[in-house]
Amino acid sequence: MYGGIGSLRSANGSLAMGPAWTVQLGYFPTQELGILASVFFGWRNNDLDATLFETRYTAELQYLPVQLGILHAGLYGGVGLAYASRTRSSCRGNQIVTGNESSSALVGGANVPARADHALALTARLGISRAHGEQMHDANLRRQRVPTPA
C-alpha cells in the first residue's frame, strides 16, 4: 500500500492536489518483472467545498532492471478503468449538479525501491495517468518490512 498526493481536476476545470492511495496485489515471476492488480483512490474538496473522489482500477506491469547497491529502479505501466464523482455549479441559476463519470485509464511512471536496512525497504512511485480526457499526476511512498531469511 502506497500513500501520498495526487492532482485531481474538478468539474469546473480547477486542478489541485489531494491525498492519494494505491493498493496493489500481484506476483513477480522474476526479480525484475511484476504483474499486479492496482487500485488508486484520490480525493479533495472543490470550490463548492464538496468532495471530488477519483478511483482507478488497473492491471499493471512493473519492470525493475536497474540494481545499484540498495537501489532498484524501473518503470511501470497499466491499463484499466477510472471512475470520478464530481460536483459542479450549473450555469442556469445557482444550481448544484453532481456527476459521475467513468472512462478507460492509462497509467505509467517510475518505481524506485530502496532497501534502507536488513528489515526495512522504501519505494517511491511517481506516476502520470490519463483518464476522463485529462492528465493527472501522483507521488506515493511505501514503507515495507523485509522478511529475514530463515
Protein backbone atom coordinates (compact mmCIF):
# COMPACT_ATOMS: atom_id res chain seq x y z
CA MET A 1 0.00 0.00 0.00
CA TYR A 2 1.32 3.41 -1.05
CA GLY A 3 0.29 6.78 0.38
CA GLY A 4 0.93 10.27 -0.95
CA ILE A 5 -0.62 13.01 -3.07
CA GLY A 6 -2.28 13.26 -6.47
CA SER A 7 -3.55 16.00 -8.77
CA LEU A 8 -7.29 15.92 -9.45
CA ARG A 9 -9.34 18.14 -11.76
CA SER A 10 -12.84 19.19 -10.66
CA ALA A 11 -15.86 19.57 -12.95
CA ASN A 12 -15.22 23.34 -13.31
CA GLY A 13 -11.68 22.65 -14.58
CA SER A 14 -9.68 23.61 -11.47
CA LEU A 15 -6.68 21.39 -10.74
CA ALA A 16 -5.41 20.85 -7.19
CA MET A 17 -3.63 18.24 -5.07
CA GLY A 18 -5.26 15.91 -2.59
CA PRO A 19 -4.49 12.73 -0.62
CA ALA A 20 -3.93 9.62 -2.75
CA TRP A 21 -3.52 5.92 -2.01
CA THR A 22 -2.58 2.97 -4.19
CA VAL A 23 -3.17 -0.63 -3.13
CA GLN A 24 -1.57 -3.45 -5.13
CA LEU A 25 -1.64 -7.22 -5.20
CA GLY A 26 0.45 -9.26 -7.56
CA TYR A 27 3.31 -11.57 -8.34
CA PHE A 28 6.91 -11.18 -9.53
CA PRO A 29 7.81 -14.22 -11.66
CA THR A 30 11.36 -12.84 -11.80
CA GLN A 31 13.13 -10.31 -9.59
CA GLU A 32 12.81 -7.67 -12.32
CA LEU A 33 9.27 -8.26 -13.70
CA GLY A 34 5.99 -7.99 -11.80
CA ILE A 35 2.32 -8.42 -12.75
CA LEU A 36 -0.08 -6.59 -10.43
CA ALA A 37 -3.67 -5.53 -9.90
CA SER A 38 -3.72 -1.90 -8.74
CA VAL A 39 -6.43 0.26 -7.15
CA PHE A 40 -5.93 4.04 -6.83
CA PHE A 41 -8.02 6.28 -4.55
CA GLY A 42 -7.71 10.08 -4.58
CA TRP A 43 -9.89 12.87 -3.24
CA ARG A 44 -10.01 16.59 -2.50
CA ASN A 45 -12.52 19.35 -1.87
CA ASN A 46 -13.57 21.55 -4.80
CA ASP A 47 -14.57 25.23 -4.88
CA LEU A 48 -18.07 24.33 -3.56
CA ASP A 49 -16.46 22.51 -0.60
CA ALA A 50 -17.84 19.24 -1.98
CA THR A 51 -15.65 16.16 -2.21
CA LEU A 52 -14.23 15.10 -5.56
CA PHE A 53 -13.41 11.38 -5.50
CA GLU A 54 -11.36 9.51 -8.12
CA THR A 55 -10.70 5.76 -8.35
CA ARG A 56 -8.74 3.79 -10.92
CA TYR A 57 -8.67 0.00 -11.28
CA THR A 58 -5.79 -1.21 -13.47
CA ALA A 59 -3.76 -4.24 -14.46
CA GLU A 60 -0.10 -3.27 -14.26
CA LEU A 61 3.33 -4.47 -15.33
CA GLN A 62 6.42 -3.38 -13.40
CA TYR A 63 9.92 -3.74 -14.80
CA LEU A 64 12.81 -3.02 -12.41
CA PRO A 65 16.04 -3.68 -14.37
CA VAL A 66 18.35 -1.21 -12.57
CA GLN A 67 20.15 -2.52 -9.47
CA LEU A 68 22.77 -0.25 -7.85
CA GLY A 69 23.55 -1.48 -4.36
CA ILE A 70 20.44 -0.94 -2.21
CA LEU A 71 18.67 0.97 -5.00
CA HIS A 72 16.47 -0.69 -7.61
CA ALA A 73 14.68 1.35 -10.27
CA GLY A 74 12.35 0.83 -13.15
CA LEU A 75 9.12 1.66 -14.87
CA TYR A 76 5.52 0.62 -14.62
CA GLY A 77 2.56 0.82 -16.96
CA GLY A 78 -1.04 -0.25 -16.80
CA VAL A 79 -4.48 -0.10 -18.33
CA GLY A 80 -7.93 -0.27 -16.79
CA LEU A 81 -10.98 1.76 -15.76
CA ALA A 82 -11.40 5.07 -13.91
CA TYR A 83 -14.40 6.42 -12.02
CA ALA A 84 -14.87 10.04 -10.86
CA SER A 85 -17.56 11.54 -8.63
CA ARG A 86 -17.67 15.32 -9.15
CA THR A 87 -19.83 18.26 -8.07
CA ARG A 88 -20.22 21.48 -10.07
CA SER A 89 -22.41 24.57 -10.11
CA SER A 90 -24.68 24.93 -13.11
CA CYS A 91 -24.74 27.96 -15.40
CA ARG A 92 -28.55 28.19 -15.00
CA GLY A 93 -29.42 29.64 -11.61
CA ASN A 94 -27.03 28.74 -8.81
CA GLN A 95 -27.96 25.10 -9.11
CA ILE A 96 -25.53 22.46 -7.87
CA VAL A 97 -25.21 19.42 -10.10
CA THR A 98 -23.42 16.20 -9.17
CA GLY A 99 -21.99 13.96 -11.82
CA ASN A 100 -20.36 10.59 -12.00
CA GLU A 101 -18.07 9.79 -14.88
CA SER A 102 -16.30 6.62 -15.94
CA SER A 103 -13.68 6.11 -18.64
CA SER A 104 -10.71 4.00 -19.58
CA ALA A 105 -7.46 4.69 -17.72
CA LEU A 106 -3.81 4.52 -18.72
CA VAL A 107 -1.14 4.77 -16.02
CA GLY A 108 2.64 4.84 -16.09
CA GLY A 109 5.67 6.12 -14.29
CA ALA A 110 8.77 5.31 -12.30
CA ASN A 111 9.19 2.96 -9.36
CA VAL A 112 12.27 3.38 -7.17
CA PRO A 113 12.59 0.78 -4.39
CA ALA A 114 15.48 1.15 -1.95
CA ARG A 115 16.43 -1.13 0.90
CA ALA A 116 17.06 1.05 3.96
CA ASP A 117 18.48 -1.77 6.10
CA HIS A 118 18.07 -5.53 6.55
CA ALA A 119 14.49 -5.16 7.81
CA LEU A 120 13.08 -2.10 6.00
CA ALA A 121 12.54 -1.10 2.36
CA LEU A 122 11.12 2.15 0.95
CA THR A 123 9.57 2.56 -2.51
CA ALA A 124 8.85 5.87 -4.23
CA ARG A 125 6.28 5.80 -7.02
CA LEU A 126 5.99 8.79 -9.37
CA GLY A 127 3.20 8.47 -11.88
CA ILE A 128 1.14 10.01 -14.61
CA SER A 129 -2.30 8.86 -15.68
CA ARG A 130 -4.75 9.59 -18.44
CA ALA A 131 -8.48 9.25 -17.73
CA HIS A 132 -11.65 11.29 -18.44
CA GLY A 133 -9.78 13.05 -21.26
CA GLU A 134 -7.31 14.65 -18.86
CA GLN A 135 -3.84 14.07 -17.41
CA MET A 136 -3.24 13.58 -13.67
CA HIS A 137 -0.06 13.10 -11.61
CA ASP A 138 0.66 11.35 -8.34
CA ALA A 139 3.58 10.74 -5.99
CA ASN A 140 3.35 7.95 -3.42
CA LEU A 141 5.64 6.27 -0.90
CA ARG A 142 5.54 2.78 0.58
CA ARG A 143 7.37 1.51 3.66
CA GLN A 144 7.75 -2.26 3.78
CA ARG A 145 9.18 -4.67 6.27
CA VAL A 146 11.51 -7.13 4.58
CA PRO A 147 11.32 -10.71 5.89
CA THR A 148 14.58 -12.12 7.17
CA PRO A 149 15.66 -15.44 5.70
CA ALA A 150 15.19 -18.42 7.99
